[in-house]
Amino acid sequence: MTRNRPATDVLTERSSRVVSLAKLHRASVRRTERRFLAEGFNSVDAALTTGRARQLLVREDDAARHDDLVDRALAAGIDVHRLDRRAAAKLAETSTTPGVFAVCELLTVPLAEVLAAGPRLLVIAVEPREPGNLGTLTRCADAMGADAVILLGDSVDPHNGKSVRASAGSVFHVPIVRDADVAGGLAAVAATGIDTLATTMTGELSLDEADSVLERPHAWLFGNEAHGLPDDVLAQAAHRVRIPLRGRAESLNLAAASAVCLYASARVQNS
């Protein structure tokens, strides 16, 4: 670490600060305290870049490796704390921790705020339950220029450690909405004139022939891995779109389907 840096004590696993932060692994504590832990270089880098980080914690053995992150945090007036190995392991949710963490405020925003910005491409996940899939979906949405990711119904917490890591920093780049009211959320989106597109094997519209639909503001609807989209959501969608499969695979999983659909939207809207 560079010289003339303010000295900090090395926190142990029994430190009150470490004990308190480790509780953020639980969704109920994150919700109450309105903060979460981001672990790993990509997540911490994105948290610093977007001004979301409130504290930085780095394992003492990895301080030199993360010197740039520490310098940026200190330059921004963010407190930096060193951890011993056991303290870092207590905060980690991975078997081999990268040794750097950021404490951040919760990221979710109201649906009305997203809709007021005049979005052209939205991703709506209805009751997603698997945190890794949600993180991958968020990363894909970010990569393809989506204006927001909207989680409706009983969804996994987007601040879940696995979800944050799977997003590779994208959770800090794209607005995320969480709304328990599926019907109300879909009605609010439709009221703005945004078409909802549901992916289904038996859709009446092929993705290959959907360019005229994709030119308009629209929202892709994705269900969870186990059950897909509910029948009532499928029925209310403006269009039901099928992805043509040319090989012998019977279907695509959520991550693959979302990547194909969002790429098609980005191609049309940016051509």
C-alpha atoms as a PDB file:
ATOM      1  CA  MET A   1       0.000   0.000   0.000  1.00  0.00           C
ATOM      2  CA  THR A   2       1.236   3.485  -0.648  1.00  0.00           C
ATOM      3  CA  ARG A   3       2.980   5.492   2.028  1.00  0.00           C
ATOM      4  CA  ASN A   4       1.388   8.275   4.056  1.00  0.00           C
ATOM      5  CA  ARG A   5      -1.874   6.343   4.154  1.00  0.00           C
ATOM      6  CA  PRO A   6      -3.861   6.686   7.394  1.00  0.00           C
ATOM      7  CA  ALA A   7      -3.120   3.727   9.641  1.00  0.00           C
ATOM      8  CA  THR A   8      -5.978   1.370  10.427  1.00  0.00           C
ATOM      9  CA  ASP A   9      -6.283  -1.433  12.962  1.00  0.00           C
ATOM     10  CA  VAL A  10      -6.506  -4.977  11.643  1.00  0.00           C
ATOM     11  CA  LEU A  11     -10.005  -6.257  12.416  1.00  0.00           C
ATOM     12  CA  THR A  12     -10.447  -9.792  13.720  1.00  0.00           C
ATOM     13  CA  GLU A  13     -13.412 -12.139  13.383  1.00  0.00           C
ATOM     14  CA  ARG A  14     -14.518 -11.086  16.885  1.00  0.00           C
ATOM     15  CA  SER A  15     -14.497  -7.383  16.106  1.00  0.00           C
ATOM     16  CA  SER A  16     -17.918  -5.838  16.624  1.00  0.00           C
ATOM     17  CA  ARG A  17     -17.729  -4.325  13.152  1.00  0.00           C
ATOM     18  CA  VAL A  18     -17.030  -7.686  11.523  1.00  0.00           C
ATOM     19  CA  VAL A  19     -19.735  -9.437  13.549  1.00  0.00           C
ATOM     20  CA  SER A  20     -22.244  -6.758  12.519  1.00  0.00           C
ATOM     21  CA  LEU A  21     -21.308  -6.892   8.838  1.00  0.00           C
ATOM     22  CA  ALA A  22     -21.445 -10.695   8.729  1.00  0.00           C
ATOM     23  CA  LYS A  23     -25.137 -10.450   9.627  1.00  0.00           C
ATOM     24  CA  LEU A  24     -25.720  -8.796   6.232  1.00  0.00           C
ATOM     25  CA  HIS A  25     -25.608 -12.291   4.753  1.00  0.00           C
ATOM     26  CA  ARG A  26     -29.238 -12.512   5.889  1.00  0.00           C
ATOM     27  CA  ALA A  27     -31.896 -10.842   3.729  1.00  0.00           C
ATOM     28  CA  SER A  28     -33.900  -9.702   6.768  1.00  0.00           C
ATOM     29  CA  VAL A  29     -30.881  -7.825   8.161  1.00  0.00           C
ATOM     30  CA  ARG A  30     -30.114  -6.227   4.790  1.00  0.00           C
ATOM     31  CA  ARG A  31     -33.701  -5.061   4.570  1.00  0.00           C
ATOM     32  CA  THR A  32     -33.684  -3.608   8.091  1.00  0.00           C
ATOM     33  CA  GLU A  33     -30.284  -1.915   7.854  1.00  0.00           C
ATOM     34  CA  ARG A  34     -30.711  -0.841   4.200  1.00  0.00           C
ATOM     35  CA  ARG A  35     -27.202  -1.980   3.274  1.00  0.00           C
ATOM     36  CA  PHE A  36     -25.405  -5.012   1.829  1.00  0.00           C
ATOM     37  CA  LEU A  37     -21.944  -6.443   1.228  1.00  0.00           C
ATOM     38  CA  ALA A  38     -20.343  -6.582  -2.213  1.00  0.00           C
ATOM     39  CA  GLU A  39     -17.496  -9.095  -2.493  1.00  0.00           C
ATOM     40  CA  GLY A  40     -14.753  -9.348  -5.106  1.00  0.00           C
ATOM     41  CA  PHE A  41     -12.894  -7.013  -7.428  1.00  0.00           C
ATOM     42  CA  ASN A  42     -15.599  -6.520 -10.085  1.00  0.00           C
ATOM     43  CA  SER A  43     -18.313  -5.725  -7.577  1.00  0.00           C
ATOM     44  CA  VAL A  44     -16.166  -3.438  -5.437  1.00  0.00           C
ATOM     45  CA  ASP A  45     -14.767  -1.676  -8.489  1.00  0.00           C
ATOM     46  CA  ALA A  46     -18.285  -0.992  -9.765  1.00  0.00           C
ATOM     47  CA  ALA A  47     -19.436   0.137  -6.306  1.00  0.00           C
ATOM     48  CA  LEU A  48     -16.616   2.682  -6.158  1.00  0.00           C
ATOM     49  CA  THR A  49     -17.075   3.830  -9.757  1.00  0.00           C
ATOM     50  CA  THR A  50     -20.788   4.486  -9.246  1.00  0.00           C
ATOM     51  CA  GLY A  51     -20.345   6.114  -5.827  1.00  0.00           C
ATOM     52  CA  ARG A  52     -22.271   3.365  -4.022  1.00  0.00           C
ATOM     53  CA  ALA A  53     -19.556   2.183  -1.621  1.00  0.00           C
ATOM     54  CA  ARG A  54     -19.713   3.445   1.959  1.00  0.00           C
ATOM     55  CA  GLN A  55     -16.886   1.375   3.469  1.00  0.00           C
ATOM     56  CA  LEU A  56     -14.077  -0.716   2.027  1.00  0.00           C
ATOM     57  CA  LEU A  57     -12.619  -3.748   3.768  1.00  0.00           C
ATOM     58  CA  VAL A  58      -9.542  -5.560   2.515  1.00  0.00           C
ATOM     59  CA  ARG A  59      -7.777  -8.653   3.807  1.00  0.00           C
ATOM     60  CA  GLU A  60      -4.363  -7.652   5.086  1.00  0.00           C
ATOM     61  CA  ASP A  61      -2.574 -10.253   2.952  1.00  0.00           C
ATOM     62  CA  ASP A  62      -4.258  -8.868  -0.192  1.00  0.00           C
ATOM     63  CA  ALA A  63      -3.770  -5.167   0.527  1.00  0.00           C
ATOM     64  CA  ALA A  64      -1.059  -4.710  -2.093  1.00  0.00           C
ATOM     65  CA  ARG A  65      -3.078  -6.537  -4.749  1.00  0.00           C
ATOM     66  CA  HIS A  66      -6.046  -4.227  -4.196  1.00  0.00           C
ATOM     67  CA  ASP A  67      -3.977  -1.082  -3.786  1.00  0.00           C
ATOM     68  CA  ASP A  68      -5.822   0.782  -6.558  1.00  0.00           C
ATOM     69  CA  LEU A  69      -9.220   0.129  -4.968  1.00  0.00           C
ATOM     70  CA  VAL A  70      -7.924   1.313  -1.603  1.00  0.00           C
ATOM     71  CA  ASP A  71      -6.437   4.482  -3.110  1.00  0.00           C
ATOM     72  CA  ARG A  72      -9.715   5.283  -4.866  1.00  0.00           C
ATOM     73  CA  ALA A  73     -11.711   4.707  -1.698  1.00  0.00           C
ATOM     74  CA  LEU A  74      -9.483   6.966   0.364  1.00  0.00           C
ATOM     75  CA  ALA A  75      -9.539   9.647  -2.335  1.00  0.00           C
ATOM     76  CA  ALA A  76     -13.333   9.566  -2.150  1.00  0.00           C
ATOM     77  CA  GLY A  77     -13.299   9.907   1.638  1.00  0.00           C
ATOM     78  CA  ILE A  78     -14.454   6.331   2.213  1.00  0.00           C
ATOM     79  CA  ASP A  79     -13.306   4.522   5.354  1.00  0.00           C
ATOM     80  CA  VAL A  80     -10.919   1.642   4.695  1.00  0.00           C
ATOM     81  CA  HIS A  81     -10.456  -1.230   7.158  1.00  0.00           C
ATOM     82  CA  ARG A  82      -7.980  -4.093   7.129  1.00  0.00           C
ATOM     83  CA  LEU A  83      -9.065  -7.640   7.970  1.00  0.00           C
ATOM     84  CA  ASP A  84      -7.130 -10.626   9.200  1.00  0.00           C
ATOM     85  CA  ARG A  85      -7.684 -13.953   7.441  1.00  0.00           C
ATOM     86  CA  ARG A  86     -10.394 -15.215   9.767  1.00  0.00           C
ATOM     87  CA  ALA A  87     -12.308 -11.944   9.617  1.00  0.00           C
ATOM     88  CA  ALA A  88     -12.229 -12.022   5.807  1.00  0.00           C
ATOM     89  CA  ALA A  89     -13.447 -15.620   5.847  1.00  0.00           C
ATOM     90  CA  LYS A  90     -16.315 -14.637   8.156  1.00  0.00           C
ATOM     91  CA  LEU A  91     -17.467 -11.956   5.700  1.00  0.00           C
ATOM     92  CA  ALA A  92     -16.942 -14.085   2.601  1.00  0.00           C
ATOM     93  CA  GLU A  93     -19.643 -16.132   0.913  1.00  0.00           C
ATOM     94  CA  THR A  94     -17.181 -17.889  -1.392  1.00  0.00           C
ATOM     95  CA  SER A  95     -14.872 -20.774  -0.572  1.00  0.00           C
ATOM     96  CA  THR A  96     -11.850 -18.829  -1.804  1.00  0.00           C
ATOM     97  CA  THR A  97     -12.457 -15.185  -0.996  1.00  0.00           C
ATOM     98  CA  PRO A  98     -10.781 -12.522  -3.148  1.00  0.00           C
ATOM     99  CA  GLY A  99     -10.235 -10.592   0.079  1.00  0.00           C
ATOM    100  CA  VAL A 100     -11.949  -7.304  -0.704  1.00  0.00           C
ATOM    101  CA  PHE A 101     -15.437  -6.097   0.255  1.00  0.00           C
ATOM    102  CA  ALA A 102     -17.532  -2.948   0.012  1.00  0.00           C
ATOM    103  CA  VAL A 103     -20.416  -1.994   2.277  1.00  0.00           C
ATOM    104  CA  CYS A 104     -23.114  -0.384   0.125  1.00  0.00           C
ATOM    105  CA  GLU A 105     -26.586   1.039   0.509  1.00  0.00           C
ATOM    106  CA  LEU A 106     -29.445  -0.928  -1.062  1.00  0.00           C
ATOM    107  CA  LEU A 107     -29.820  -0.286  -4.788  1.00  0.00           C
ATOM    108  CA  THR A 108     -33.500  -0.807  -5.601  1.00  0.00           C
ATOM    109  CA  VAL A 109     -35.543   2.096  -6.995  1.00  0.00           C
ATOM    110  CA  PRO A 110     -39.324   2.644  -7.354  1.00  0.00           C
ATOM    111  CA  LEU A 111     -41.048   1.406 -10.504  1.00  0.00           C
ATOM    112  CA  ALA A 112     -42.578   4.845 -11.078  1.00  0.00           C
ATOM    113  CA  GLU A 113     -39.087   6.359 -11.260  1.00  0.00           C
ATOM    114  CA  VAL A 114     -38.019   3.936 -13.992  1.00  0.00           C
ATOM    115  CA  LEU A 115     -41.188   4.413 -16.027  1.00  0.00           C
ATOM    116  CA  ALA A 116     -41.000   8.205 -15.762  1.00  0.00           C
ATOM    117  CA  ALA A 117     -37.626   8.120 -17.551  1.00  0.00           C
ATOM    118  CA  GLY A 118     -39.214   6.893 -20.791  1.00  0.00           C
ATOM    119  CA  PRO A 119     -37.500   3.489 -21.100  1.00  0.00           C
ATOM    120  CA  ARG A 120     -37.289   1.666 -24.427  1.00  0.00           C
ATOM    121  CA  LEU A 121     -36.053  -1.711 -23.221  1.00  0.00           C
ATOM    122  CA  LEU A 122     -36.976  -3.328 -19.911  1.00  0.00           C
ATOM    123  CA  VAL A 123     -36.334  -6.738 -18.401  1.00  0.00           C
ATOM    124  CA  ILE A 124     -39.096  -8.073 -16.171  1.00  0.00           C
ATOM    125  CA  ALA A 125     -38.449 -11.204 -14.112  1.00  0.00           C
ATOM    126  CA  VAL A 126     -41.577 -12.694 -12.572  1.00  0.00           C
ATOM    127  CA  GLU A 127     -40.838 -14.405  -9.255  1.00  0.00           C
ATOM    128  CA  PRO A 128     -37.173 -15.260  -9.921  1.00  0.00           C
ATOM    129  CA  ARG A 129     -35.883 -17.517  -7.156  1.00  0.00           C
ATOM    130  CA  GLU A 130     -32.312 -18.500  -8.099  1.00  0.00           C
ATOM    131  CA  PRO A 131     -29.794 -15.761  -7.187  1.00  0.00           C
ATOM    132  CA  GLY A 132     -27.155 -16.835  -9.701  1.00  0.00           C
ATOM    133  CA  ASN A 133     -29.675 -16.708 -12.554  1.00  0.00           C
ATOM    134  CA  LEU A 134     -30.836 -13.262 -11.459  1.00  0.00           C
ATOM    135  CA  GLY A 135     -27.253 -12.002 -11.408  1.00  0.00           C
ATOM    136  CA  THR A 136     -26.648 -13.393 -14.897  1.00  0.00           C
ATOM    137  CA  LEU A 137     -29.882 -11.829 -16.140  1.00  0.00           C
ATOM    138  CA  THR A 138     -28.837  -8.464 -14.678  1.00  0.00           C
ATOM    139  CA  ARG A 139     -25.429  -8.735 -16.352  1.00  0.00           C
ATOM    140  CA  CYS A 140     -27.037  -9.532 -19.703  1.00  0.00           C
ATOM    141  CA  ALA A 141     -29.506  -6.655 -19.326  1.00  0.00           C
ATOM    142  CA  ASP A 142     -26.637  -4.277 -18.623  1.00  0.00           C
ATOM    143  CA  ALA A 143     -24.578  -5.561 -21.550  1.00  0.00           C
ATOM    144  CA  MET A 144     -27.464  -5.140 -23.996  1.00  0.00           C
ATOM    145  CA  GLY A 145     -28.337  -1.628 -22.816  1.00  0.00           C
ATOM    146  CA  ALA A 146     -31.592  -2.348 -20.991  1.00  0.00           C
ATOM    147  CA  ASP A 147     -32.986   0.598 -19.051  1.00  0.00           C
ATOM    148  CA  ALA A 148     -33.896  -1.404 -15.932  1.00  0.00           C
ATOM    149  CA  VAL A 149     -34.459  -4.836 -14.433  1.00  0.00           C
ATOM    150  CA  ILE A 150     -37.855  -5.207 -12.751  1.00  0.00           C
ATOM    151  CA  LEU A 151     -38.474  -8.014 -10.258  1.00  0.00           C
ATOM    152  CA  LEU A 152     -42.127  -8.798  -9.660  1.00  0.00           C
ATOM    153  CA  GLY A 153     -43.751 -11.054  -7.086  1.00  0.00           C
ATOM    154  CA  ASP A 154     -41.945 -13.169  -4.519  1.00  0.00           C
ATOM    155  CA  SER A 155     -38.429 -12.695  -5.890  1.00  0.00           C
ATOM    156  CA  VAL A 156     -34.967 -13.452  -4.603  1.00  0.00           C
ATOM    157  CA  ASP A 157     -33.180 -10.466  -3.082  1.00  0.00           C
ATOM    158  CA  PRO A 158     -31.018  -8.820  -5.780  1.00  0.00           C
ATOM    159  CA  HIS A 159     -28.560  -7.892  -2.995  1.00  0.00           C
ATOM    160  CA  ASN A 160     -27.960 -11.566  -2.252  1.00  0.00           C
ATOM    161  CA  GLY A 161     -24.201 -12.189  -2.372  1.00  0.00           C
ATOM    162  CA  LYS A 162     -24.406 -14.831  -5.109  1.00  0.00           C
ATOM    163  CA  SER A 163     -26.621 -12.598  -7.244  1.00  0.00           C
ATOM    164  CA  VAL A 164     -24.297  -9.603  -6.832  1.00  0.00           C
ATOM    165  CA  ARG A 165     -21.239 -11.678  -7.773  1.00  0.00           C
ATOM    166  CA  ALA A 166     -22.968 -13.265 -10.777  1.00  0.00           C
ATOM    167  CA  SER A 167     -23.823  -9.798 -12.088  1.00  0.00           C
ATOM    168  CA  ALA A 168     -20.064  -9.003 -12.249  1.00  0.00           C
ATOM    169  CA  GLY A 169     -20.738  -5.407 -11.193  1.00  0.00           C
ATOM    170  CA  SER A 170     -23.798  -4.862 -13.396  1.00  0.00           C
ATOM    171  CA  VAL A 171     -26.082  -4.640 -10.356  1.00  0.00           C
ATOM    172  CA  PHE A 172     -24.511  -1.204  -9.816  1.00  0.00           C
ATOM    173  CA  HIS A 173     -25.010  -0.089 -13.430  1.00  0.00           C
ATOM    174  CA  VAL A 174     -28.625  -0.859 -14.274  1.00  0.00           C
ATOM    175  CA  PRO A 175     -31.584   0.317 -12.136  1.00  0.00           C
ATOM    176  CA  ILE A 176     -33.342  -2.508 -10.295  1.00  0.00           C
ATOM    177  CA  VAL A 177     -36.971  -2.450  -9.195  1.00  0.00           C
ATOM    178  CA  ARG A 178     -38.491  -4.893  -6.716  1.00  0.00           C
ATOM    179  CA  ASP A 179     -42.288  -4.954  -6.461  1.00  0.00           C
ATOM    180  CA  ALA A 180     -44.343  -7.727  -4.863  1.00  0.00           C
ATOM    181  CA  ASP A 181     -47.466  -6.872  -6.904  1.00  0.00           C
ATOM    182  CA  VAL A 182     -47.209  -8.777 -10.194  1.00  0.00           C
ATOM    183  CA  ALA A 183     -50.512  -7.618 -11.664  1.00  0.00           C
ATOM    184  CA  GLY A 184     -50.030  -4.032 -10.541  1.00  0.00           C
ATOM    185  CA  GLY A 185     -46.479  -3.881 -11.871  1.00  0.00           C
ATOM    186  CA  LEU A 186     -47.464  -5.241 -15.282  1.00  0.00           C
ATOM    187  CA  ALA A 187     -50.429  -2.865 -15.448  1.00  0.00           C
ATOM    188  CA  ALA A 188     -48.182   0.117 -14.678  1.00  0.00           C
ATOM    189  CA  VAL A 189     -45.773  -0.886 -17.452  1.00  0.00           C
ATOM    190  CA  ALA A 190     -48.592  -1.406 -19.960  1.00  0.00           C
ATOM    191  CA  ALA A 191     -50.162   1.954 -19.030  1.00  0.00           C
ATOM    192  CA  THR A 192     -47.067   3.726 -20.361  1.00  0.00           C
ATOM    193  CA  GLY A 193     -47.513   2.155 -23.794  1.00  0.00           C
ATOM    194  CA  ILE A 194     -44.682  -0.334 -23.398  1.00  0.00           C
ATOM    195  CA  ASP A 195     -45.404  -3.688 -25.054  1.00  0.00           C
ATOM    196  CA  THR A 196     -44.779  -6.784 -22.941  1.00  0.00           C
ATOM    197  CA  LEU A 197     -43.194  -9.742 -24.732  1.00  0.00           C
ATOM    198  CA  ALA A 198     -43.406 -13.220 -23.230  1.00  0.00           C
ATOM    199  CA  THR A 199     -41.116 -16.022 -24.344  1.00  0.00           C
ATOM    200  CA  THR A 200     -42.856 -19.346 -24.919  1.00  0.00           C
ATOM    201  CA  MET A 201     -42.240 -22.428 -27.055  1.00  0.00           C
ATOM    202  CA  THR A 202     -45.644 -21.989 -28.715  1.00  0.00           C
ATOM    203  CA  GLY A 203     -45.533 -18.230 -29.278  1.00  0.00           C
ATOM    204  CA  GLU A 204     -47.422 -16.916 -32.290  1.00  0.00           C
ATOM    205  CA  LEU A 205     -44.520 -14.615 -33.223  1.00  0.00           C
ATOM    206  CA  SER A 206     -41.075 -15.889 -34.169  1.00  0.00           C
ATOM    207  CA  LEU A 207     -38.150 -13.867 -32.861  1.00  0.00           C
ATOM    208  CA  ASP A 208     -36.770 -13.907 -36.415  1.00  0.00           C
ATOM    209  CA  GLU A 209     -39.830 -11.945 -37.560  1.00  0.00           C
ATOM    210  CA  ALA A 210     -40.203  -9.620 -34.586  1.00  0.00           C
ATOM    211  CA  ASP A 211     -38.128  -6.602 -35.708  1.00  0.00           C
ATOM    212  CA  SER A 212     -41.160  -4.332 -36.105  1.00  0.00           C
ATOM    213  CA  VAL A 213     -42.193  -5.152 -32.530  1.00  0.00           C
ATOM    214  CA  LEU A 214     -38.671  -4.745 -31.161  1.00  0.00           C
ATOM    215  CA  GLU A 215     -38.409  -1.256 -32.668  1.00  0.00           C
ATOM    216  CA  ARG A 216     -41.038  -0.054 -30.208  1.00  0.00           C
ATOM    217  CA  PRO A 217     -40.492   0.377 -26.469  1.00  0.00           C
ATOM    218  CA  HIS A 218     -40.928  -3.091 -24.978  1.00  0.00           C
ATOM    219  CA  ALA A 219     -40.336  -5.255 -21.932  1.00  0.00           C
ATOM    220  CA  TRP A 220     -39.234  -8.881 -22.028  1.00  0.00           C
ATOM    221  CA  LEU A 221     -40.988 -11.113 -19.496  1.00  0.00           C
ATOM    222  CA  PHE A 222     -39.035 -14.003 -17.996  1.00  0.00           C
ATOM    223  CA  GLY A 223     -40.304 -16.556 -15.478  1.00  0.00           C
ATOM    224  CA  ASN A 224     -38.369 -18.631 -12.978  1.00  0.00           C
ATOM    225  CA  GLU A 225     -36.486 -21.802 -13.917  1.00  0.00           C
ATOM    226  CA  ALA A 226     -38.912 -24.224 -12.310  1.00  0.00           C
ATOM    227  CA  HIS A 227     -42.296 -22.943 -13.497  1.00  0.00           C
ATOM    228  CA  GLY A 228     -41.745 -20.402 -16.248  1.00  0.00           C
ATOM    229  CA  LEU A 229     -44.289 -17.626 -16.622  1.00  0.00           C
ATOM    230  CA  PRO A 230     -47.736 -17.989 -15.015  1.00  0.00           C
ATOM    231  CA  ASP A 231     -50.587 -18.586 -17.473  1.00  0.00           C
ATOM    232  CA  ASP A 232     -52.277 -15.285 -16.644  1.00  0.00           C
ATOM    233  CA  VAL A 233     -49.062 -13.357 -17.351  1.00  0.00           C
ATOM    234  CA  LEU A 234     -48.645 -15.176 -20.671  1.00  0.00           C
ATOM    235  CA  ALA A 235     -52.242 -14.395 -21.599  1.00  0.00           C
ATOM    236  CA  GLN A 236     -51.905 -10.678 -20.846  1.00  0.00           C
ATOM    237  CA  ALA A 237     -48.650 -10.159 -22.760  1.00  0.00           C
ATOM    238  CA  ALA A 238     -48.911  -8.019 -25.884  1.00  0.00           C
ATOM    239  CA  HIS A 239     -46.977 -10.695 -27.810  1.00  0.00           C
ATOM    240  CA  ARG A 240     -45.878 -14.252 -27.139  1.00  0.00           C
ATOM    241  CA  VAL A 241     -42.539 -14.834 -28.846  1.00  0.00           C
ATOM    242  CA  ARG A 242     -40.855 -18.133 -29.648  1.00  0.00           C
ATOM    243  CA  ILE A 243     -37.128 -18.533 -30.193  1.00  0.00           C
ATOM    244  CA  PRO A 244     -36.518 -20.722 -33.275  1.00  0.00           C
ATOM    245  CA  LEU A 245     -34.427 -23.764 -32.332  1.00  0.00           C
ATOM    246  CA  ARG A 246     -32.532 -25.277 -35.250  1.00  0.00           C
ATOM    247  CA  GLY A 247     -30.700 -28.045 -33.465  1.00  0.00           C
ATOM    248  CA  ARG A 248     -31.903 -30.968 -31.387  1.00  0.00           C
ATOM    249  CA  ALA A 249     -32.143 -29.164 -28.027  1.00  0.00           C
ATOM    250  CA  GLU A 250     -35.728 -28.987 -26.826  1.00  0.00           C
ATOM    251  CA  SER A 251     -35.441 -25.677 -24.994  1.00  0.00           C
ATOM    252  CA  LEU A 252     -33.173 -22.973 -23.580  1.00  0.00           C
ATOM    253  CA  ASN A 253     -32.644 -22.112 -19.939  1.00  0.00           C
ATOM    254  CA  LEU A 254     -33.376 -18.656 -18.554  1.00  0.00           C
ATOM    255  CA  ALA A 255     -29.863 -17.294 -19.017  1.00  0.00           C
ATOM    256  CA  ALA A 256     -29.596 -18.445 -22.632  1.00  0.00           C
ATOM    257  CA  ALA A 257     -33.111 -17.335 -23.590  1.00  0.00           C
ATOM    258  CA  SER A 258     -32.639 -13.889 -22.062  1.00  0.00           C
ATOM    259  CA  ALA A 259     -29.313 -13.412 -23.850  1.00  0.00           C
ATOM    260  CA  VAL A 260     -30.848 -14.294 -27.226  1.00  0.00           C
ATOM    261  CA  CYS A 261     -33.912 -12.068 -26.750  1.00  0.00           C
ATOM    262  CA  LEU A 262     -32.036  -9.069 -25.388  1.00  0.00           C
ATOM    263  CA  TYR A 263     -29.428  -9.287 -28.139  1.00  0.00           C
ATOM    264  CA  ALA A 264     -32.231  -9.205 -30.705  1.00  0.00           C
ATOM    265  CA  SER A 265     -33.697  -6.100 -29.039  1.00  0.00           C
ATOM    266  CA  ALA A 266     -30.318  -4.349 -28.882  1.00  0.00           C
ATOM    267  CA  ARG A 267     -29.606  -5.160 -32.537  1.00  0.00           C
ATOM    268  CA  VAL A 268     -32.898  -3.670 -33.712  1.00  0.00           C
ATOM    269  CA  GLN A 269     -32.901  -0.618 -31.439  1.00  0.00           C
ATOM    270  CA  ASN A 270     -29.306   0.302 -32.229  1.00  0.00           C
ATOM    271  CA  SER A 271     -29.243  -0.399 -35.964  1.00  0.00           C
END
